[in-house]
Amino acid sequence: MQKFLLSIALFALPFVTKAQGIFDIWEGTTCGGGGGGPTSPCSLCDGIIVTRNIVTSLFEVSLIIGGIMVAVGGILFMTSGGSQDKVRQARGTLTSALVGVVIALTAWVIINTLLSLIAGDGALPWNQITCS
């Protein structure tokens, strides 16, 4: 089973990084230098944007991991062969994956709402913060 999960992880790695674009935490800041870090002094608003970018990147990775775990749970269901222990394991895997995705979504909404309130940017969409 570990070899199966490792092969799925290696297959999904290029999608997770999205050609390194998913971890560009300086995107949208006035001080970011093309992914290489700050090139000029950063403001508080830039710090909020970097925090939002980090939270969003972690959320995207958690969705990918959740999707992989749902697939693993489905495969465990299909290969259970009527064994109650394997069905219980598959159901536990699916339940844990879905609960994890719900927790990640809730955390993402709460953190982005707080960051939007801290930035004082009441414009829609609420999860887009712009520095002025």
Protein backbone atom coordinates (compact mmCIF):
# COMPACT_ATOMS: atom_id res chain seq x y z
CA MET A 1 0.00 0.00 0.00
CA GLN A 2 2.88 2.37 0.75
CA LYS A 3 4.30 1.85 -2.74
CA PHE A 4 0.90 2.71 -4.21
CA LEU A 5 0.67 5.93 -2.19
CA LEU A 6 4.25 6.85 -3.10
CA SER A 7 3.55 6.37 -6.80
CA ILE A 8 0.44 8.55 -6.54
CA ALA A 9 2.43 11.24 -4.71
CA LEU A 10 5.19 11.20 -7.33
CA PHE A 11 2.61 11.38 -10.11
CA ALA A 12 0.84 14.31 -8.45
CA LEU A 13 4.01 16.29 -7.65
CA PRO A 14 4.09 18.31 -10.90
CA PHE A 15 0.43 19.22 -10.42
CA VAL A 16 1.01 20.25 -6.82
CA THR A 17 3.74 22.70 -7.67
CA LYS A 18 2.05 23.93 -10.87
CA ALA A 19 5.45 24.78 -12.31
CA GLN A 20 6.43 26.55 -9.06
CA GLY A 21 3.60 29.06 -9.42
CA ILE A 22 1.69 27.80 -6.39
CA PHE A 23 4.41 28.90 -3.98
CA ASP A 24 4.96 32.42 -5.32
CA ILE A 25 4.23 34.12 -2.02
CA TRP A 26 5.28 37.57 -3.26
CA GLU A 27 2.61 37.73 -5.98
CA GLY A 28 0.50 40.87 -5.68
CA THR A 29 2.87 42.79 -3.41
CA THR A 30 4.50 46.12 -4.19
CA CYS A 31 7.85 44.94 -2.87
CA GLY A 32 8.04 41.43 -4.37
CA GLY A 33 10.84 40.72 -6.78
CA GLY A 34 9.54 38.06 -9.14
CA GLY A 35 9.53 35.21 -6.66
CA GLY A 36 13.03 35.89 -5.35
CA GLY A 37 11.96 37.80 -2.25
CA PRO A 38 11.51 41.47 -1.51
CA THR A 39 13.40 44.03 -3.58
CA SER A 40 12.24 47.11 -1.67
CA PRO A 41 10.84 47.81 1.80
CA CYS A 42 7.52 46.07 2.42
CA SER A 43 4.50 47.60 4.11
CA LEU A 44 2.00 46.02 6.49
CA CYS A 45 -0.37 45.48 3.57
CA ASP A 46 2.36 43.57 1.74
CA GLY A 47 2.75 41.35 4.81
CA ILE A 48 -0.98 40.65 4.79
CA ILE A 49 -0.85 39.74 1.09
CA VAL A 50 2.09 37.39 1.67
CA THR A 51 0.18 35.75 4.53
CA ARG A 52 -2.87 35.34 2.29
CA ASN A 53 -0.71 33.81 -0.45
CA ILE A 54 0.81 31.30 1.98
CA VAL A 55 -2.62 30.32 3.35
CA THR A 56 -4.03 29.95 -0.16
CA SER A 57 -1.08 27.78 -1.25
CA LEU A 58 -1.49 25.51 1.77
CA PHE A 59 -5.23 25.28 1.07
CA GLU A 60 -4.62 24.24 -2.54
CA VAL A 61 -2.16 21.57 -1.45
CA SER A 62 -4.64 20.27 1.15
CA LEU A 63 -7.33 19.98 -1.55
CA ILE A 64 -4.99 17.92 -3.71
CA ILE A 65 -4.06 15.66 -0.81
CA GLY A 66 -7.75 15.33 0.12
CA GLY A 67 -8.60 14.33 -3.44
CA ILE A 68 -5.84 11.73 -3.46
CA MET A 69 -7.05 10.30 -0.16
CA VAL A 70 -10.65 10.12 -1.43
CA ALA A 71 -9.33 8.16 -4.42
CA VAL A 72 -7.38 5.86 -2.09
CA GLY A 73 -10.51 5.29 0.00
CA GLY A 74 -12.50 4.47 -3.13
CA ILE A 75 -9.86 2.01 -4.28
CA LEU A 76 -9.88 0.40 -0.83
CA PHE A 77 -13.66 0.05 -1.09
CA MET A 78 -13.44 -1.57 -4.51
CA THR A 79 -10.74 -4.00 -3.44
CA SER A 80 -12.24 -4.89 -0.06
CA GLY A 81 -13.73 -8.13 -1.35
CA GLY A 82 -16.48 -8.05 1.28
CA SER A 83 -14.05 -8.02 4.21
CA GLN A 84 -15.57 -6.01 7.05
CA ASP A 85 -12.16 -4.82 8.25
CA LYS A 86 -11.19 -3.48 4.83
CA VAL A 87 -14.58 -1.83 4.38
CA ARG A 88 -14.19 -0.19 7.80
CA GLN A 89 -10.69 1.00 6.83
CA ALA A 90 -11.96 2.40 3.52
CA ARG A 91 -14.87 4.18 5.23
CA GLY A 92 -12.46 5.64 7.79
CA THR A 93 -10.14 6.86 5.04
CA LEU A 94 -12.99 8.53 3.15
CA THR A 95 -14.42 10.10 6.31
CA SER A 96 -11.03 11.43 7.40
CA ALA A 97 -10.33 12.86 3.94
CA LEU A 98 -13.67 14.65 3.73
CA VAL A 99 -13.42 15.99 7.29
CA GLY A 100 -9.91 17.25 6.50
CA VAL A 101 -11.11 19.07 3.38
CA VAL A 102 -13.99 20.67 5.33
CA ILE A 103 -11.59 21.79 8.08
CA ALA A 104 -9.17 23.22 5.49
CA LEU A 105 -12.00 25.10 3.73
CA THR A 106 -13.31 26.50 7.00
CA ALA A 107 -9.85 27.63 8.07
CA TRP A 108 -9.23 29.25 4.67
CA VAL A 109 -12.51 31.20 4.86
CA ILE A 110 -11.90 32.36 8.44
CA ILE A 111 -8.28 33.41 7.87
CA ASN A 112 -9.04 35.23 4.60
CA THR A 113 -11.96 37.04 6.21
CA LEU A 114 -9.76 38.14 9.12
CA LEU A 115 -7.00 39.29 6.78
CA SER A 116 -9.52 41.26 4.72
CA LEU A 117 -10.85 42.93 7.87
CA ILE A 118 -7.33 43.74 9.11
CA ALA A 119 -6.40 45.27 5.75
CA GLY A 120 -9.54 47.40 5.85
CA ASP A 121 -10.27 46.52 2.25
CA GLY A 122 -14.02 45.96 2.12
CA ALA A 123 -14.15 45.59 -1.65
CA LEU A 124 -15.40 42.47 -3.35
CA PRO A 125 -14.19 39.82 -3.84
CA TRP A 126 -13.43 39.66 -0.15
CA ASN A 127 -10.36 37.42 -0.46
CA GLN A 128 -8.52 39.82 -2.83
CA ILE A 129 -6.43 42.35 -0.91
CA THR A 130 -4.92 45.29 -2.75
CA CYS A 131 -2.36 47.71 -1.40
CA SER A 132 -2.84 51.36 -2.10
